[in-house]
N, C-alpha and C. Protein backbone atom coordinates (compact mmCIF):
# COMPACT_ATOMS: atom_id res chain seq x y z
N MET A 1 0.88 -1.34 0.08
CA MET A 1 -0.16 0.09 -0.07
C MET A 1 0.87 1.40 -0.07
N ASP A 2 0.37 2.12 -1.05
CA ASP A 2 1.45 3.27 -1.13
C ASP A 2 1.03 4.34 0.27
N GLN A 3 2.32 5.09 0.61
CA GLN A 3 2.14 5.49 1.80
C GLN A 3 0.97 6.52 1.92
N ARG A 4 1.00 7.59 1.05
CA ARG A 4 0.33 8.84 0.99
C ARG A 4 -1.47 8.42 0.75
N GLU A 5 -1.62 6.87 0.23
CA GLU A 5 -2.86 6.47 0.50
C GLU A 5 -3.55 6.22 2.05
N ASN A 6 -2.20 5.28 2.68
CA ASN A 6 -2.51 5.64 4.05
C ASN A 6 -2.62 6.95 5.22
N LYS A 7 -1.84 7.69 4.56
CA LYS A 7 -2.53 8.92 5.58
C LYS A 7 -3.65 9.55 5.30
N VAL A 8 -4.64 9.50 3.94
CA VAL A 8 -4.92 9.76 3.77
C VAL A 8 -6.19 9.14 4.84
N GLY A 9 -6.33 7.94 4.91
CA GLY A 9 -6.77 6.94 5.17
C GLY A 9 -7.21 7.39 7.02
N TYR A 10 -5.95 7.75 7.74
CA TYR A 10 -6.10 8.13 9.09
C TYR A 10 -6.66 9.62 8.95
N ALA A 11 -6.16 10.45 8.04
CA ALA A 11 -6.77 11.58 8.29
C ALA A 11 -8.25 11.50 8.21
N ASP A 12 -9.01 10.38 7.56
CA ASP A 12 -10.28 10.72 7.51
C ASP A 12 -10.52 9.92 8.63
N LEU A 13 -9.94 8.76 9.31
CA LEU A 13 -10.13 8.19 10.71
C LEU A 13 -9.96 9.17 11.77
N SER A 14 -9.14 10.17 11.39
CA SER A 14 -9.23 11.29 12.77
C SER A 14 -10.28 12.20 12.83
N LYS A 15 -10.58 12.86 11.24
CA LYS A 15 -11.89 13.63 11.44
C LYS A 15 -12.97 13.00 12.09
N GLY A 16 -13.21 11.51 11.42
CA GLY A 16 -14.21 10.68 11.50
C GLY A 16 -14.64 10.81 13.60
N ILE A 17 -13.19 10.83 13.98
CA ILE A 17 -13.26 10.05 15.52
C ILE A 17 -13.64 11.64 15.86
N GLU A 18 -12.82 12.88 15.32
CA GLU A 18 -13.36 14.09 15.93
C GLU A 18 -14.58 13.99 15.81
N LEU A 19 -15.71 14.15 15.09
CA LEU A 19 -16.81 14.47 14.59
C LEU A 19 -17.81 13.70 15.67
N LEU A 20 -17.24 12.48 15.93
CA LEU A 20 -18.06 11.69 17.08
C LEU A 20 -17.61 12.34 18.31
N ILE A 21 -16.82 12.58 18.59
CA ILE A 21 -16.78 12.95 20.25
C ILE A 21 -17.36 14.29 20.32
N SER A 22 -17.09 15.29 19.06
CA SER A 22 -18.05 16.59 19.13
C SER A 22 -19.45 16.46 19.17
N LYS A 23 -19.88 15.31 18.73
CA LYS A 23 -21.72 14.78 18.88
C LYS A 23 -21.89 14.58 20.02
N PHE A 24 -20.73 13.55 20.59
CA PHE A 24 -21.27 12.37 21.86
C PHE A 24 -20.53 12.49 22.95
N GLY A 25 -19.55 12.97 22.77
CA GLY A 25 -18.25 13.32 24.17
C GLY A 25 -17.79 12.18 24.16
N ILE A 26 -16.78 12.01 24.68
CA ILE A 26 -15.53 11.04 24.96
C ILE A 26 -15.85 9.81 25.70
N ASP A 27 -17.06 10.31 26.74
CA ASP A 27 -17.21 8.71 27.11
C ASP A 27 -18.09 7.96 26.13
N LYS A 28 -19.01 8.32 25.73
CA LYS A 28 -20.02 7.97 24.78
C LYS A 28 -19.42 7.76 23.21
N THR A 29 -18.37 8.14 22.86
CA THR A 29 -17.49 7.66 21.56
C THR A 29 -16.99 6.65 22.13
N ALA A 30 -16.24 6.33 23.28
CA ALA A 30 -15.60 5.27 23.64
C ALA A 30 -16.22 4.18 23.64
N ALA A 31 -17.48 4.13 24.14
CA ALA A 31 -18.79 3.02 24.28
C ALA A 31 -19.13 3.08 22.93
N ILE A 32 -19.01 3.86 21.88
CA ILE A 32 -19.50 3.32 20.63
C ILE A 32 -18.62 2.34 20.07
N ILE A 33 -17.40 2.89 20.12
CA ILE A 33 -16.08 2.03 19.47
C ILE A 33 -15.70 0.47 19.87
N ARG A 34 -16.19 0.87 21.60
CA ARG A 34 -16.27 -0.77 21.92
C ARG A 34 -17.01 -1.52 21.26
N GLN A 35 -18.68 -1.08 21.27
CA GLN A 35 -19.22 -2.08 21.07
C GLN A 35 -19.28 -2.63 19.42
N ILE A 36 -18.76 -1.06 18.68
CA ILE A 36 -18.30 -1.44 17.03
C ILE A 36 -17.61 -3.41 17.07
N THR A 37 -16.72 -2.62 17.97
CA THR A 37 -15.50 -4.11 17.65
C THR A 37 -16.08 -5.19 18.65
N ASP A 38 -16.79 -5.44 19.23
CA ASP A 38 -17.48 -5.98 19.94
C ASP A 38 -18.55 -7.00 19.86
N THR A 39 -19.56 -6.52 18.65
CA THR A 39 -20.47 -6.94 18.62
C THR A 39 -20.81 -7.80 17.20
N VAL A 40 -21.34 -8.58 16.44
CA VAL A 40 -21.85 -8.96 15.63
C VAL A 40 -22.92 -8.01 14.62
N THR A 41 -22.66 -7.46 13.51
CA THR A 41 -23.93 -6.21 12.74
C THR A 41 -24.53 -6.77 11.89
N ILE A 42 -25.28 -6.15 11.61
CA ILE A 42 -26.92 -6.41 10.96
C ILE A 42 -26.94 -5.22 9.67
N VAL A 43 -26.86 -5.45 8.79
CA VAL A 43 -26.50 -4.80 7.44
C VAL A 43 -28.03 -4.52 7.05
N LYS A 44 -28.29 -2.70 7.14
CA LYS A 44 -30.01 -2.63 6.62
C LYS A 44 -29.81 -1.71 5.41
N SER A 45 -31.12 -1.43 5.23
CA SER A 45 -30.97 0.15 4.53
C SER A 45 -30.52 1.02 5.72
N GLU A 46 -30.70 2.18 5.01
CA GLU A 46 -30.77 3.23 5.77
C GLU A 46 -32.23 3.56 6.49
N LYS A 47 -32.80 3.48 5.59
CA LYS A 47 -34.44 3.75 6.14
C LYS A 47 -35.11 2.70 7.22
N LEU A 48 -34.11 1.50 6.93
CA LEU A 48 -34.67 0.64 7.69
C LEU A 48 -34.52 0.87 8.79
N LYS A 49 -33.13 1.05 8.84
CA LYS A 49 -32.15 0.96 10.17
C LYS A 49 -32.71 2.47 10.96
N THR A 50 -33.75 3.08 10.41
CA THR A 50 -33.91 4.40 10.83
C THR A 50 -35.26 3.98 11.70
N GLN A 51 -35.95 3.37 10.89
CA GLN A 51 -37.46 2.70 11.27
C GLN A 51 -36.98 1.85 12.61
N LEU A 52 -36.35 0.92 12.60
CA LEU A 52 -36.27 -0.05 13.84
C LEU A 52 -35.34 1.08 14.78
N LEU A 53 -34.66 1.88 14.50
CA LEU A 53 -34.36 2.31 15.88
C LEU A 53 -35.47 3.30 16.31
N LEU A 54 -36.05 4.01 15.76
CA LEU A 54 -37.52 4.55 15.95
C LEU A 54 -38.22 3.79 16.69
N THR A 55 -38.27 2.29 16.79
CA THR A 55 -39.20 1.55 17.30
C THR A 55 -38.68 0.83 18.50
N TYR A 56 -36.83 0.80 18.48
CA TYR A 56 -36.38 0.17 19.64
C TYR A 56 -36.84 1.35 20.62
N ILE A 57 -36.50 2.39 20.58
CA ILE A 57 -36.60 3.34 21.18
C ILE A 57 -37.75 3.80 21.86
N TYR A 58 -38.65 3.61 21.20
CA TYR A 58 -40.34 4.10 21.52
C TYR A 58 -40.45 2.84 22.33
N TYR A 59 -40.26 1.67 22.18
CA TYR A 59 -40.90 0.77 23.10
C TYR A 59 -39.63 0.26 24.37
N GLU A 60 -38.46 0.77 23.99
CA GLU A 60 -37.56 0.49 25.15
C GLU A 60 -37.61 1.68 25.95
N SER A 61 -38.50 2.97 25.69
CA SER A 61 -38.78 3.88 26.69
C SER A 61 -40.10 3.28 27.19
N GLN A 62 -40.75 2.75 26.87
CA GLN A 62 -42.67 2.75 27.08
C GLN A 62 -42.27 1.39 28.52
N HIS A 63 -41.04 0.87 28.21
CA HIS A 63 -40.50 -0.50 29.40
C HIS A 63 -39.58 0.28 30.52
N LEU A 64 -39.04 1.26 30.13
CA LEU A 64 -38.30 1.91 31.30
C LEU A 64 -39.11 2.55 32.04
N PHE A 65 -39.95 3.00 31.47
CA PHE A 65 -40.81 4.03 32.48
C PHE A 65 -41.94 3.51 32.90
N LYS A 66 -42.13 2.37 32.55
CA LYS A 66 -43.09 1.38 33.03
C LYS A 66 -44.50 2.01 32.76
N CYS A 67 -44.58 2.13 31.44
CA CYS A 67 -46.01 2.87 30.98
C CYS A 67 -46.85 1.71 30.87
N LYS A 68 -48.25 1.72 30.79
CA LYS A 68 -49.43 0.72 30.89
C LYS A 68 -49.71 1.33 29.30
N GLN A 69 -49.78 -0.24 28.01
CA GLN A 69 -50.23 0.31 27.17
C GLN A 69 -52.01 0.64 26.98
N SER A 70 -52.24 1.82 26.28
CA SER A 70 -53.45 2.18 26.11
C SER A 70 -53.88 2.42 25.14
N LYS A 71 -55.05 2.69 24.33
CA LYS A 71 -55.78 2.48 23.22
C LYS A 71 -55.71 4.59 23.23
N SER A 72 -55.79 5.04 24.33
CA SER A 72 -55.89 6.68 24.10
C SER A 72 -54.74 7.06 24.06
N LYS A 73 -55.15 8.18 23.01
CA LYS A 73 -54.41 9.22 22.32
C LYS A 73 -53.71 10.19 23.41
N THR A 74 -54.37 10.58 24.00
CA THR A 74 -54.14 11.67 25.12
C THR A 74 -53.96 10.86 26.49
N GLU A 75 -52.86 10.20 26.50
CA GLU A 75 -52.39 9.63 27.49
C GLU A 75 -51.96 10.55 28.42
N SER A 76 -52.09 11.02 29.80
CA SER A 76 -51.57 11.86 30.42
C SER A 76 -50.94 11.63 31.56
N SER A 77 -50.60 10.39 31.67
CA SER A 77 -49.77 9.92 33.30
C SER A 77 -48.25 10.53 33.17
N LYS A 78 -47.83 10.60 34.45
CA LYS A 78 -46.77 11.13 34.22
C LYS A 78 -45.45 10.53 33.46
N GLU A 79 -45.68 8.86 33.67
CA GLU A 79 -44.72 7.83 33.09
C GLU A 79 -44.79 8.05 31.76
N PHE A 80 -45.94 8.35 30.98
CA PHE A 80 -46.50 8.33 29.57
C PHE A 80 -45.56 9.45 29.35
N LYS A 81 -46.07 10.58 29.67
CA LYS A 81 -44.93 11.74 29.42
C LYS A 81 -43.86 11.98 29.20
N ASP A 82 -43.16 11.62 30.32
CA ASP A 82 -41.70 11.28 30.40
C ASP A 82 -41.13 10.48 29.26
N SER A 83 -41.90 9.66 29.09
CA SER A 83 -41.28 8.58 27.88
C SER A 83 -41.76 9.22 26.75
N ARG A 84 -42.46 9.89 26.39
CA ARG A 84 -42.65 10.17 25.58
C ARG A 84 -41.66 11.59 25.22
N MET A 85 -41.42 12.67 25.78
CA MET A 85 -40.04 13.61 26.00
C MET A 85 -38.96 12.68 25.57
N VAL A 86 -38.55 11.49 26.30
CA VAL A 86 -37.17 10.80 25.70
C VAL A 86 -37.38 10.31 24.66
N THR A 87 -38.44 9.95 24.40
CA THR A 87 -38.57 9.17 22.78
C THR A 87 -38.13 9.86 21.73
N TYR A 88 -38.86 12.06 22.03
CA TYR A 88 -38.91 12.31 21.15
C TYR A 88 -36.90 13.13 20.92
N HIS A 89 -36.68 12.96 22.22
CA HIS A 89 -35.18 13.74 22.19
C HIS A 89 -34.26 12.93 21.74
N LEU A 90 -34.24 11.19 21.87
CA LEU A 90 -33.13 10.62 21.62
C LEU A 90 -33.20 10.17 19.87
N ILE A 91 -34.83 10.14 19.40
CA ILE A 91 -35.06 9.73 18.01
C ILE A 91 -34.04 10.93 17.13
N LYS A 92 -34.61 12.45 17.71
CA LYS A 92 -34.54 13.68 17.32
C LYS A 92 -32.67 13.75 17.07
N LYS A 93 -32.03 13.26 18.70
CA LYS A 93 -30.72 13.69 18.64
C LYS A 93 -29.92 12.35 17.63
N TYR A 94 -30.58 11.18 17.45
CA TYR A 94 -29.58 10.00 16.57
C TYR A 94 -30.38 10.18 15.02
N THR A 95 -31.24 10.95 14.76
CA THR A 95 -31.64 10.54 13.36
C THR A 95 -31.38 11.89 12.81
N ASN A 96 -31.88 12.16 11.69
CA ASN A 96 -31.59 13.38 10.96
C ASN A 96 -33.40 13.73 10.96
N MET A 97 -34.34 13.17 11.59
CA MET A 97 -35.41 13.08 11.46
C MET A 97 -36.01 14.74 11.83
N SER A 98 -36.43 15.39 11.09
CA SER A 98 -37.04 16.98 11.19
C SER A 98 -38.11 17.14 12.67
N TYR A 99 -38.78 17.65 12.97
CA TYR A 99 -39.50 17.66 14.21
C TYR A 99 -40.81 17.49 13.61
N GLN A 100 -41.49 17.80 12.04
CA GLN A 100 -42.59 17.83 11.68
C GLN A 100 -42.46 16.07 11.20
N GLN A 101 -41.45 15.60 10.67
CA GLN A 101 -41.46 14.22 10.37
C GLN A 101 -41.25 13.44 11.51
N LEU A 102 -41.00 13.75 13.03
CA LEU A 102 -41.28 12.75 13.90
C LEU A 102 -42.70 13.01 14.35
N GLY A 103 -43.28 14.51 14.17
CA GLY A 103 -44.34 14.13 15.12
C GLY A 103 -45.63 13.19 14.03
N LYS A 104 -45.08 13.29 12.40
CA LYS A 104 -46.26 12.36 11.91
C LYS A 104 -46.11 10.78 11.93
N ARG A 105 -44.80 10.57 12.73
CA ARG A 105 -44.54 9.19 12.97
C ARG A 105 -45.40 8.86 14.15
N PHE A 106 -45.80 9.92 15.17
CA PHE A 106 -46.42 9.67 16.09
C PHE A 106 -47.68 10.24 16.73
N GLY A 107 -48.31 10.90 15.36
CA GLY A 107 -49.64 11.66 15.17
C GLY A 107 -49.91 12.63 16.33
N GLN A 108 -48.50 13.81 16.55
CA GLN A 108 -47.87 14.76 16.91
C GLN A 108 -47.94 16.27 15.73
N SER A 109 -48.66 17.23 16.23
CA SER A 109 -47.89 18.57 15.40
C SER A 109 -46.41 18.34 15.42
N LYS A 110 -45.88 19.69 15.14
CA LYS A 110 -44.34 19.63 14.77
C LYS A 110 -44.58 20.49 16.30
N ARG A 111 -45.22 21.24 16.63
CA ARG A 111 -45.23 22.15 17.61
C ARG A 111 -45.22 21.05 19.04
N ALA A 112 -45.59 20.35 19.26
CA ALA A 112 -45.81 19.22 20.24
C ALA A 112 -44.87 18.85 20.47
N VAL A 113 -44.08 18.46 19.17
CA VAL A 113 -42.32 17.44 18.99
C VAL A 113 -41.55 18.62 19.39
N ILE A 114 -41.76 19.94 19.24
CA ILE A 114 -40.35 20.83 20.15
C ILE A 114 -40.80 21.00 21.30
N HIS A 115 -42.14 21.35 21.80
CA HIS A 115 -42.37 21.17 23.10
C HIS A 115 -41.67 20.19 24.06
N HIS A 116 -42.13 19.15 23.27
CA HIS A 116 -41.32 17.80 24.35
C HIS A 116 -40.21 17.86 24.28
N TYR A 117 -39.38 18.05 23.34
CA TYR A 117 -38.01 18.00 22.89
C TYR A 117 -37.57 19.01 23.94
N ASN A 118 -38.05 20.13 23.80
CA ASN A 118 -37.48 21.27 24.64
C ASN A 118 -37.67 21.19 26.52
N LYS A 119 -38.82 20.65 26.66
CA LYS A 119 -39.23 20.00 27.98
C LYS A 119 -38.06 19.40 28.50
N CYS A 120 -37.76 18.05 27.59
CA CYS A 120 -36.63 17.24 27.85
C CYS A 120 -35.06 17.69 28.27
N GLU A 121 -34.97 18.96 27.38
CA GLU A 121 -34.08 19.60 27.43
C GLU A 121 -33.44 20.56 28.37
N SER A 122 -35.03 20.96 29.03
CA SER A 122 -34.93 21.49 30.70
C SER A 122 -34.68 20.42 31.78
N LEU A 123 -35.39 19.75 31.52
CA LEU A 123 -34.89 18.36 33.08
C LEU A 123 -33.33 17.94 32.66
N LEU A 124 -33.00 17.95 31.46
CA LEU A 124 -32.03 17.07 31.61
C LEU A 124 -30.67 18.37 31.99
N SER A 125 -31.13 19.24 31.98
CA SER A 125 -30.25 20.15 32.24
C SER A 125 -29.95 20.76 34.28
N ILE A 126 -31.31 19.99 34.46
CA ILE A 126 -30.98 20.26 35.68
C ILE A 126 -30.84 18.77 36.59
N PRO A 127 -29.45 18.33 36.24
CA PRO A 127 -29.96 16.61 37.06
C PRO A 127 -30.14 16.71 38.23
N LYS A 128 -29.70 17.37 39.38
CA LYS A 128 -30.28 17.33 40.50
C LYS A 128 -31.29 17.22 41.20
N SER A 129 -32.08 18.00 40.12
CA SER A 129 -33.74 17.96 40.92
C SER A 129 -34.70 17.40 40.29
N ASN A 130 -33.95 16.36 39.29
CA ASN A 130 -34.70 15.29 37.86
C ASN A 130 -33.89 13.77 38.13
N LYS A 131 -33.45 13.90 39.46
CA LYS A 131 -32.28 12.74 39.16
C LYS A 131 -32.91 11.33 38.73
N ASP A 132 -34.03 11.00 38.98
CA ASP A 132 -34.84 9.78 38.67
C ASP A 132 -35.06 9.82 36.92
N PHE A 133 -35.43 11.09 36.70
CA PHE A 133 -35.85 11.22 35.02
C PHE A 133 -34.12 11.23 34.26
N VAL A 134 -33.18 11.75 34.51
CA VAL A 134 -31.78 11.95 34.39
C VAL A 134 -31.41 10.63 34.12
N SER A 135 -31.71 9.82 35.25
CA SER A 135 -30.84 8.25 35.34
C SER A 135 -31.54 7.55 34.35
N LYS A 136 -32.66 7.68 34.40
CA LYS A 136 -33.50 6.94 33.20
C LYS A 136 -33.22 6.97 31.79
N TYR A 137 -32.92 8.37 31.35
CA TYR A 137 -32.68 8.82 30.21
C TYR A 137 -31.32 8.40 29.99
N GLN A 138 -30.47 7.94 30.69
CA GLN A 138 -29.05 7.91 30.64
C GLN A 138 -28.82 6.43 30.25
N ARG A 139 -30.03 5.73 30.99
CA ARG A 139 -29.81 4.09 30.98
C ARG A 139 -30.02 3.90 29.52
N LEU A 140 -31.33 4.69 28.70
CA LEU A 140 -32.04 4.77 27.58
C LEU A 140 -31.12 5.32 26.75
N GLU A 141 -30.12 6.23 26.51
CA GLU A 141 -29.33 6.46 25.73
C GLU A 141 -28.22 5.34 25.91
N GLN A 142 -27.90 5.00 26.42
CA GLN A 142 -26.86 3.86 26.77
C GLN A 142 -27.14 2.80 25.83
N LYS A 143 -28.16 2.26 26.40
CA LYS A 143 -28.53 1.08 25.35
C LYS A 143 -28.97 1.31 23.78
N THR A 144 -29.37 2.71 23.67
CA THR A 144 -29.83 3.06 22.25
C THR A 144 -28.05 3.05 21.39
N ILE A 145 -27.24 3.97 21.83
CA ILE A 145 -26.03 3.37 21.62
C ILE A 145 -25.74 2.20 21.28
N GLN A 146 -25.93 1.44 22.24
CA GLN A 146 -25.64 -0.09 21.58
C GLN A 146 -26.10 -0.71 20.91
N TYR A 147 -27.46 -0.36 20.35
CA TYR A 147 -28.13 -1.26 19.70
C TYR A 147 -28.05 -0.41 18.26
N MET A 148 -27.66 0.77 18.39
CA MET A 148 -27.61 1.94 17.13
C MET A 148 -25.87 0.52 16.41
N THR A 149 -24.71 0.26 17.69
CA THR A 149 -23.74 -0.39 16.85
C THR A 149 -23.72 -1.65 16.09
N THR A 150 -25.38 -2.17 16.27
CA THR A 150 -25.78 -3.35 16.20
C THR A 150 -26.19 -3.35 14.40
N LEU A 151 -26.63 -1.98 14.28
CA LEU A 151 -27.03 -1.62 12.59
C LEU A 151 -26.51 -0.98 11.86
N LYS A 152 -25.23 -1.69 11.82
CA LYS A 152 -24.26 -1.23 10.57
C LYS A 152 -24.94 -0.82 9.18
């Protein structure tokens, strides 16, 4: 292999790692790299990956927040609201979906999705006051990162 080709590869790798660190932080980037090197991967199309990720986050969030399945679209329990906020926040964070696209998937308006996203940001910004919420969010985020590494 020509040494010039090798340098380009390392430059691309370095740039990619810097982007990961800027987006996820050093701890989460290290976790992503560990997961990639330790797991068997499944090859899927980008559209299917996004759909699988949405489904995974939704159901894991429901399970983590101990939500009861209900046919009501206007569920108002605290657990359901927290689950919905976390779901919207993580999907927005880890996909390129717009607020409007996200709202369509869940039967909500763009404005409602933005409200839930911002509310989640607000709760996460004060971790001492919202220990239980932040703890569940972090557990779900960690599980989501692990799941994403299997969707190569």
